[in-house]
Amino acid sequence: MQHVLRDGTNIMVRYLTKEDLPVITQLQEIVIEDLIDKDRLEPLSEEEFLTILAEDKLMIGVFDQKKLIGFRAFLNPKNDEEGLGKDIGLLESEYPRIVYSEISNVHPDYRGNGLQTFMGKSWINSLDERDFRYILATVAPFNIASLKDKFALGMRIYQLKNKYGGKLRYIFCKDLRTNDNQIIDMVTIEMDDTQKQQHYLSDGYVGVKMIQGKDTWYVEYVKYK
């Protein structure tokens, strides 16, 4: 698939395979090196990339000419190995219908073109809903670019807890079959108020968007009928 970026660059989009592993890991290293806060990204090992690439159409890549400038990886975990489905209350019988949004990398020179969300929407639009229903992801609070991406894909916050050895993470989910019901309550909470957010999440609220204030960011939570 061909596409033109905001800056006028013509790009090509395709699914990635095992043969692309060298350029995938190279791009990941470039992205990590450019990060100020290394904890905001959970890098994947070559073995983890190969697990994803072993299944068809779970990893999408963007190329400028022959140069890989972005990729987005998804994983069908079969048994919910990271426990994200369990964290948000899914039944074991639903685990085979789960897909994790694992990692997104965009070359620093191509940021500002909305590539992360573009890749996500492109992949979701090609998804066969007969095979999958739930798209799950984790994001660190104040990882603004990644949070914007998840909300833009229609994902919602269902949990806020420590994962990956004690790192605080929002747990997002997009249910491909659920239509929203009537909103019966709404509350806006500062992003750094972990305890208050956890209180409302435990009471059945979900995070639907974030709002930039004068000095900080807020998350809007709603409760459906």
C-alpha atoms as a PDB file:
ATOM      1  CA  MET A   1       0.000   0.000   0.000  1.00  0.00           C
ATOM      2  CA  GLN A   2       1.230   3.486  -0.892  1.00  0.00           C
ATOM      3  CA  HIS A   3       0.700   6.550   1.302  1.00  0.00           C
ATOM      4  CA  VAL A   4       1.892  10.170   1.438  1.00  0.00           C
ATOM      5  CA  LEU A   5       3.028  11.613   4.779  1.00  0.00           C
ATOM      6  CA  ARG A   6       2.208  15.086   6.043  1.00  0.00           C
ATOM      7  CA  ASP A   7       5.673  16.255   5.002  1.00  0.00           C
ATOM      8  CA  GLY A   8       5.129  14.982   1.457  1.00  0.00           C
ATOM      9  CA  THR A   9       7.217  11.811   1.748  1.00  0.00           C
ATOM     10  CA  ASN A  10       5.908   8.902  -0.309  1.00  0.00           C
ATOM     11  CA  ILE A  11       5.943   5.718   1.741  1.00  0.00           C
ATOM     12  CA  MET A  12       5.166   2.070   1.191  1.00  0.00           C
ATOM     13  CA  VAL A  13       3.335  -0.026   3.794  1.00  0.00           C
ATOM     14  CA  ARG A  14       3.510  -3.805   4.007  1.00  0.00           C
ATOM     15  CA  TYR A  15       3.482  -6.684   6.462  1.00  0.00           C
ATOM     16  CA  LEU A  16       6.905  -7.633   7.806  1.00  0.00           C
ATOM     17  CA  THR A  17       8.480 -11.101   7.767  1.00  0.00           C
ATOM     18  CA  LYS A  18      11.432 -12.861   9.403  1.00  0.00           C
ATOM     19  CA  GLU A  19      13.663 -11.591   6.603  1.00  0.00           C
ATOM     20  CA  ASP A  20      13.114  -8.051   7.923  1.00  0.00           C
ATOM     21  CA  LEU A  21      14.472  -8.844  11.412  1.00  0.00           C
ATOM     22  CA  PRO A  22      17.879  -7.106  10.937  1.00  0.00           C
ATOM     23  CA  VAL A  23      16.317  -3.761   9.977  1.00  0.00           C
ATOM     24  CA  ILE A  24      13.645  -4.122  12.675  1.00  0.00           C
ATOM     25  CA  THR A  25      16.209  -4.502  15.463  1.00  0.00           C
ATOM     26  CA  GLN A  26      18.350  -1.746  13.955  1.00  0.00           C
ATOM     27  CA  LEU A  27      15.433   0.697  14.025  1.00  0.00           C
ATOM     28  CA  GLN A  28      14.581  -0.279  17.601  1.00  0.00           C
ATOM     29  CA  GLU A  29      18.156   0.558  18.667  1.00  0.00           C
ATOM     30  CA  ILE A  30      17.948   3.962  16.964  1.00  0.00           C
ATOM     31  CA  VAL A  31      14.684   4.736  18.764  1.00  0.00           C
ATOM     32  CA  ILE A  32      16.010   3.624  22.169  1.00  0.00           C
ATOM     33  CA  GLU A  33      19.170   5.695  21.747  1.00  0.00           C
ATOM     34  CA  ASP A  34      17.051   8.777  21.047  1.00  0.00           C
ATOM     35  CA  LEU A  35      14.844   8.368  24.149  1.00  0.00           C
ATOM     36  CA  ILE A  36      15.506  10.570  27.170  1.00  0.00           C
ATOM     37  CA  ASP A  37      13.468   8.326  29.489  1.00  0.00           C
ATOM     38  CA  LYS A  38      14.398   4.758  28.517  1.00  0.00           C
ATOM     39  CA  ASP A  39      11.707   3.308  30.850  1.00  0.00           C
ATOM     40  CA  ARG A  40       8.951   4.551  28.547  1.00  0.00           C
ATOM     41  CA  LEU A  41       9.699   1.808  26.047  1.00  0.00           C
ATOM     42  CA  GLU A  42       9.700  -1.934  26.689  1.00  0.00           C
ATOM     43  CA  PRO A  43      12.033  -3.150  23.903  1.00  0.00           C
ATOM     44  CA  LEU A  44      11.575  -6.600  22.412  1.00  0.00           C
ATOM     45  CA  SER A  45      14.312  -9.198  22.054  1.00  0.00           C
ATOM     46  CA  GLU A  46      15.104 -10.889  18.742  1.00  0.00           C
ATOM     47  CA  GLU A  47      13.365 -14.003  20.058  1.00  0.00           C
ATOM     48  CA  GLU A  48      10.209 -12.006  20.842  1.00  0.00           C
ATOM     49  CA  PHE A  49      10.249 -10.410  17.392  1.00  0.00           C
ATOM     50  CA  LEU A  50      10.625 -13.850  15.793  1.00  0.00           C
ATOM     51  CA  THR A  51       7.628 -15.134  17.777  1.00  0.00           C
ATOM     52  CA  ILE A  52       5.517 -12.307  16.353  1.00  0.00           C
ATOM     53  CA  LEU A  53       6.901 -12.706  12.830  1.00  0.00           C
ATOM     54  CA  ALA A  54       6.183 -16.446  12.913  1.00  0.00           C
ATOM     55  CA  GLU A  55       2.492 -15.612  12.477  1.00  0.00           C
ATOM     56  CA  ASP A  56       1.218 -13.948   9.329  1.00  0.00           C
ATOM     57  CA  LYS A  57       0.194 -10.301   9.298  1.00  0.00           C
ATOM     58  CA  LEU A  58       0.923  -9.388  12.923  1.00  0.00           C
ATOM     59  CA  MET A  59       3.606  -6.803  12.161  1.00  0.00           C
ATOM     60  CA  ILE A  60       3.298  -3.861   9.818  1.00  0.00           C
ATOM     61  CA  GLY A  61       6.180  -1.762   8.484  1.00  0.00           C
ATOM     62  CA  VAL A  62       6.550   1.584   6.734  1.00  0.00           C
ATOM     63  CA  PHE A  63       9.334   2.203   4.228  1.00  0.00           C
ATOM     64  CA  ASP A  64      10.796   5.344   2.664  1.00  0.00           C
ATOM     65  CA  GLN A  65      12.231   3.834  -0.505  1.00  0.00           C
ATOM     66  CA  LYS A  66      13.978   0.741   0.948  1.00  0.00           C
ATOM     67  CA  LYS A  67      14.573   2.224   4.417  1.00  0.00           C
ATOM     68  CA  LEU A  68      12.387   0.972   7.287  1.00  0.00           C
ATOM     69  CA  ILE A  69      11.187   4.114   9.087  1.00  0.00           C
ATOM     70  CA  GLY A  70       8.501   2.645  11.331  1.00  0.00           C
ATOM     71  CA  PHE A  71       6.957  -0.596  12.487  1.00  0.00           C
ATOM     72  CA  ARG A  72       4.097  -1.692  14.681  1.00  0.00           C
ATOM     73  CA  ALA A  73       3.920  -5.163  16.192  1.00  0.00           C
ATOM     74  CA  PHE A  74       0.938  -7.077  17.525  1.00  0.00           C
ATOM     75  CA  LEU A  75       0.925 -10.453  19.264  1.00  0.00           C
ATOM     76  CA  ASN A  76      -1.704 -13.144  19.684  1.00  0.00           C
ATOM     77  CA  PRO A  77      -0.641 -14.444  23.125  1.00  0.00           C
ATOM     78  CA  LYS A  78      -2.962 -17.482  23.128  1.00  0.00           C
ATOM     79  CA  ASN A  79      -2.885 -17.779  26.927  1.00  0.00           C
ATOM     80  CA  ASP A  80      -2.668 -14.094  27.925  1.00  0.00           C
ATOM     81  CA  GLU A  81       0.932 -14.505  29.118  1.00  0.00           C
ATOM     82  CA  GLU A  82       1.277 -10.908  30.311  1.00  0.00           C
ATOM     83  CA  GLY A  83      -2.011 -11.143  32.202  1.00  0.00           C
ATOM     84  CA  LEU A  84      -3.581  -8.092  30.559  1.00  0.00           C
ATOM     85  CA  GLY A  85      -6.844  -9.871  29.816  1.00  0.00           C
ATOM     86  CA  LYS A  86      -7.018 -11.098  33.389  1.00  0.00           C
ATOM     87  CA  ASP A  87      -6.195  -7.592  34.640  1.00  0.00           C
ATOM     88  CA  ILE A  88      -9.317  -6.164  33.000  1.00  0.00           C
ATOM     89  CA  GLY A  89     -11.597  -9.063  33.908  1.00  0.00           C
ATOM     90  CA  LEU A  90     -11.765 -11.138  30.718  1.00  0.00           C
ATOM     91  CA  LEU A  91     -12.641 -14.810  31.030  1.00  0.00           C
ATOM     92  CA  GLU A  92     -10.116 -17.519  30.155  1.00  0.00           C
ATOM     93  CA  SER A  93     -12.384 -18.614  27.320  1.00  0.00           C
ATOM     94  CA  GLU A  94     -11.824 -15.191  25.734  1.00  0.00           C
ATOM     95  CA  TYR A  95      -8.009 -15.284  25.846  1.00  0.00           C
ATOM     96  CA  PRO A  96      -7.617 -16.792  22.328  1.00  0.00           C
ATOM     97  CA  ARG A  97      -9.464 -13.721  20.955  1.00  0.00           C
ATOM     98  CA  ILE A  98      -6.905 -11.315  22.465  1.00  0.00           C
ATOM     99  CA  VAL A  99      -4.269  -9.362  20.561  1.00  0.00           C
ATOM    100  CA  TYR A 100      -1.580  -7.354  22.339  1.00  0.00           C
ATOM    101  CA  SER A 101      -0.426  -4.099  20.780  1.00  0.00           C
ATOM    102  CA  GLU A 102       3.198  -4.892  21.607  1.00  0.00           C
ATOM    103  CA  ILE A 103       5.445  -2.100  20.373  1.00  0.00           C
ATOM    104  CA  SER A 104       5.566   0.828  17.959  1.00  0.00           C
ATOM    105  CA  ASN A 105       8.774   2.413  16.736  1.00  0.00           C
ATOM    106  CA  VAL A 106       9.125   5.433  14.456  1.00  0.00           C
ATOM    107  CA  HIS A 107      12.484   6.739  13.269  1.00  0.00           C
ATOM    108  CA  PRO A 108      13.224  10.099  14.984  1.00  0.00           C
ATOM    109  CA  ASP A 109      13.622  11.812  11.600  1.00  0.00           C
ATOM    110  CA  TYR A 110      10.043  10.936  10.625  1.00  0.00           C
ATOM    111  CA  ARG A 111       8.169  11.872  13.789  1.00  0.00           C
ATOM    112  CA  GLY A 112       5.331  14.375  13.571  1.00  0.00           C
ATOM    113  CA  ASN A 113       3.672  12.564  10.677  1.00  0.00           C
ATOM    114  CA  GLY A 114       1.226  10.524  12.755  1.00  0.00           C
ATOM    115  CA  LEU A 115       2.905   7.287  11.696  1.00  0.00           C
ATOM    116  CA  GLN A 116       2.260   5.391  14.920  1.00  0.00           C
ATOM    117  CA  THR A 117      -1.509   5.872  14.717  1.00  0.00           C
ATOM    118  CA  PHE A 118      -1.529   5.429  10.931  1.00  0.00           C
ATOM    119  CA  MET A 119       0.088   2.007  11.295  1.00  0.00           C
ATOM    120  CA  GLY A 120      -2.342   1.049  14.060  1.00  0.00           C
ATOM    121  CA  LYS A 121      -5.426   2.047  12.088  1.00  0.00           C
ATOM    122  CA  SER A 122      -4.122   0.331   8.951  1.00  0.00           C
ATOM    123  CA  TRP A 123      -3.615  -2.917  10.841  1.00  0.00           C
ATOM    124  CA  ILE A 124      -6.920  -2.773  12.746  1.00  0.00           C
ATOM    125  CA  ASN A 125      -8.829  -2.076   9.514  1.00  0.00           C
ATOM    126  CA  SER A 126      -7.385  -5.276   8.057  1.00  0.00           C
ATOM    127  CA  LEU A 127      -8.161  -7.341  11.155  1.00  0.00           C
ATOM    128  CA  ASP A 128     -10.555 -10.255  10.814  1.00  0.00           C
ATOM    129  CA  GLU A 129     -13.048  -9.875  13.674  1.00  0.00           C
ATOM    130  CA  ARG A 130     -13.893 -13.560  13.376  1.00  0.00           C
ATOM    131  CA  ASP A 131     -10.423 -14.314  14.759  1.00  0.00           C
ATOM    132  CA  PHE A 132      -9.893 -11.510  17.271  1.00  0.00           C
ATOM    133  CA  ARG A 133     -12.057  -9.328  19.490  1.00  0.00           C
ATOM    134  CA  TYR A 134      -9.910  -7.572  22.110  1.00  0.00           C
ATOM    135  CA  ILE A 135      -6.888  -5.371  21.413  1.00  0.00           C
ATOM    136  CA  LEU A 136      -4.878  -4.761  24.603  1.00  0.00           C
ATOM    137  CA  ALA A 137      -1.931  -2.497  25.365  1.00  0.00           C
ATOM    138  CA  THR A 138      -0.001  -0.956  28.245  1.00  0.00           C
ATOM    139  CA  VAL A 139       1.253   2.642  28.376  1.00  0.00           C
ATOM    140  CA  ALA A 140       3.201   4.537  31.017  1.00  0.00           C
ATOM    141  CA  PRO A 141       1.488   7.629  32.473  1.00  0.00           C
ATOM    142  CA  PHE A 142       2.774  10.812  30.810  1.00  0.00           C
ATOM    143  CA  ASN A 143       3.984   8.940  27.724  1.00  0.00           C
ATOM    144  CA  ILE A 144       1.887  11.481  25.868  1.00  0.00           C
ATOM    145  CA  ALA A 145       2.540  10.356  22.291  1.00  0.00           C
ATOM    146  CA  SER A 146       1.655   6.755  23.093  1.00  0.00           C
ATOM    147  CA  LEU A 147      -1.415   7.737  25.109  1.00  0.00           C
ATOM    148  CA  LYS A 148      -2.689   9.927  22.257  1.00  0.00           C
ATOM    149  CA  ASP A 149      -2.171   7.008  19.895  1.00  0.00           C
ATOM    150  CA  LYS A 150      -4.205   4.568  21.988  1.00  0.00           C
ATOM    151  CA  PHE A 151      -7.111   6.985  22.408  1.00  0.00           C
ATOM    152  CA  ALA A 152      -7.007   7.766  18.662  1.00  0.00           C
ATOM    153  CA  LEU A 153      -7.436   4.047  17.976  1.00  0.00           C
ATOM    154  CA  GLY A 154     -10.573   3.998  20.124  1.00  0.00           C
ATOM    155  CA  MET A 155      -8.920   2.209  23.038  1.00  0.00           C
ATOM    156  CA  ARG A 156      -9.911   2.911  26.643  1.00  0.00           C
ATOM    157  CA  ILE A 157      -8.215   2.685  30.011  1.00  0.00           C
ATOM    158  CA  TYR A 158      -9.567  -0.183  32.116  1.00  0.00           C
ATOM    159  CA  GLN A 159      -6.823  -0.528  34.707  1.00  0.00           C
ATOM    160  CA  LEU A 160      -3.846   1.303  36.233  1.00  0.00           C
ATOM    161  CA  LYS A 161      -1.365  -0.920  38.033  1.00  0.00           C
ATOM    162  CA  ASN A 162       2.251  -2.000  38.305  1.00  0.00           C
ATOM    163  CA  LYS A 163       3.519  -4.288  35.532  1.00  0.00           C
ATOM    164  CA  TYR A 164       6.919  -5.404  34.247  1.00  0.00           C
ATOM    165  CA  GLY A 165       8.697  -5.500  37.588  1.00  0.00           C
ATOM    166  CA  GLY A 166       6.917  -2.628  39.308  1.00  0.00           C
ATOM    167  CA  LYS A 167       6.498  -0.099  36.476  1.00  0.00           C
ATOM    168  CA  LEU A 168       3.190   1.798  36.619  1.00  0.00           C
ATOM    169  CA  ARG A 169       1.129   1.240  33.483  1.00  0.00           C
ATOM    170  CA  TYR A 170      -2.309   2.054  32.106  1.00  0.00           C
ATOM    171  CA  ILE A 171      -3.966  -1.030  30.620  1.00  0.00           C
ATOM    172  CA  PHE A 172      -5.941  -0.176  27.496  1.00  0.00           C
ATOM    173  CA  CYS A 173      -8.509  -2.278  25.661  1.00  0.00           C
ATOM    174  CA  LYS A 174     -10.506  -1.940  22.461  1.00  0.00           C
ATOM    175  CA  ASP A 175     -13.449  -4.322  22.187  1.00  0.00           C
ATOM    176  CA  LEU A 176     -14.222  -4.652  18.478  1.00  0.00           C
ATOM    177  CA  ARG A 177     -17.801  -5.745  19.182  1.00  0.00           C
ATOM    178  CA  THR A 178     -18.969  -3.378  21.909  1.00  0.00           C
ATOM    179  CA  ASN A 179     -21.080  -0.315  21.243  1.00  0.00           C
ATOM    180  CA  ASP A 180     -21.104   2.402  23.884  1.00  0.00           C
ATOM    181  CA  ASN A 181     -24.059   2.675  26.205  1.00  0.00           C
ATOM    182  CA  GLN A 182     -25.418   5.841  27.774  1.00  0.00           C
ATOM    183  CA  ILE A 183     -22.935   7.728  29.969  1.00  0.00           C
ATOM    184  CA  ILE A 184     -24.281   8.152  33.498  1.00  0.00           C
ATOM    185  CA  ASP A 185     -21.307   9.885  35.119  1.00  0.00           C
ATOM    186  CA  MET A 186     -18.071  11.617  34.173  1.00  0.00           C
ATOM    187  CA  VAL A 187     -15.034  12.735  36.161  1.00  0.00           C
ATOM    188  CA  THR A 188     -11.718  14.369  35.216  1.00  0.00           C
ATOM    189  CA  ILE A 189      -8.639  13.374  37.237  1.00  0.00           C
ATOM    190  CA  GLU A 190      -5.041  14.574  37.203  1.00  0.00           C
ATOM    191  CA  MET A 191      -2.811  12.016  35.509  1.00  0.00           C
ATOM    192  CA  ASP A 192      -0.396  11.942  38.428  1.00  0.00           C
ATOM    193  CA  ASP A 193      -3.160  11.132  40.952  1.00  0.00           C
ATOM    194  CA  THR A 194      -2.742   7.370  40.760  1.00  0.00           C
ATOM    195  CA  GLN A 195      -4.859   6.500  43.790  1.00  0.00           C
ATOM    196  CA  LYS A 196      -7.894   8.496  42.657  1.00  0.00           C
ATOM    197  CA  GLN A 197      -7.766   6.999  39.168  1.00  0.00           C
ATOM    198  CA  GLN A 198      -7.514   3.495  40.594  1.00  0.00           C
ATOM    199  CA  HIS A 199     -10.511   4.190  42.834  1.00  0.00           C
ATOM    200  CA  TYR A 200     -12.742   5.158  39.908  1.00  0.00           C
ATOM    201  CA  LEU A 201     -11.468   2.321  37.718  1.00  0.00           C
ATOM    202  CA  SER A 202     -12.349  -0.176  40.448  1.00  0.00           C
ATOM    203  CA  ASP A 203     -15.860   1.318  40.471  1.00  0.00           C
ATOM    204  CA  GLY A 204     -16.401   0.557  36.783  1.00  0.00           C
ATOM    205  CA  TYR A 205     -15.247   3.795  35.154  1.00  0.00           C
ATOM    206  CA  VAL A 206     -13.105   3.739  31.997  1.00  0.00           C
ATOM    207  CA  GLY A 207     -10.691   6.368  30.706  1.00  0.00           C
ATOM    208  CA  VAL A 208     -11.831   7.764  27.363  1.00  0.00           C
ATOM    209  CA  LYS A 209      -9.560  10.726  26.654  1.00  0.00           C
ATOM    210  CA  MET A 210      -6.894  13.001  28.075  1.00  0.00           C
ATOM    211  CA  ILE A 211      -6.927  16.756  28.428  1.00  0.00           C
ATOM    212  CA  GLN A 212      -3.983  19.131  28.600  1.00  0.00           C
ATOM    213  CA  GLY A 213      -4.214  21.607  31.461  1.00  0.00           C
ATOM    214  CA  LYS A 214      -2.062  24.618  32.211  1.00  0.00           C
ATOM    215  CA  ASP A 215       0.528  22.712  34.230  1.00  0.00           C
ATOM    216  CA  THR A 216      -0.356  19.037  33.845  1.00  0.00           C
ATOM    217  CA  TRP A 217      -2.422  16.443  31.994  1.00  0.00           C
ATOM    218  CA  TYR A 218      -5.816  15.072  33.007  1.00  0.00           C
ATOM    219  CA  VAL A 219      -7.693  11.883  32.135  1.00  0.00           C
ATOM    220  CA  GLU A 220     -11.451  11.913  31.598  1.00  0.00           C
ATOM    221  CA  TYR A 221     -13.236   8.875  33.011  1.00  0.00           C
ATOM    222  CA  VAL A 222     -16.828   7.895  32.292  1.00  0.00           C
ATOM    223  CA  LYS A 223     -19.237   5.319  33.644  1.00  0.00           C
ATOM    224  CA  TYR A 224     -21.720   3.707  31.288  1.00  0.00           C
ATOM    225  CA  LYS A 225     -25.252   2.640  32.114  1.00  0.00           C
END
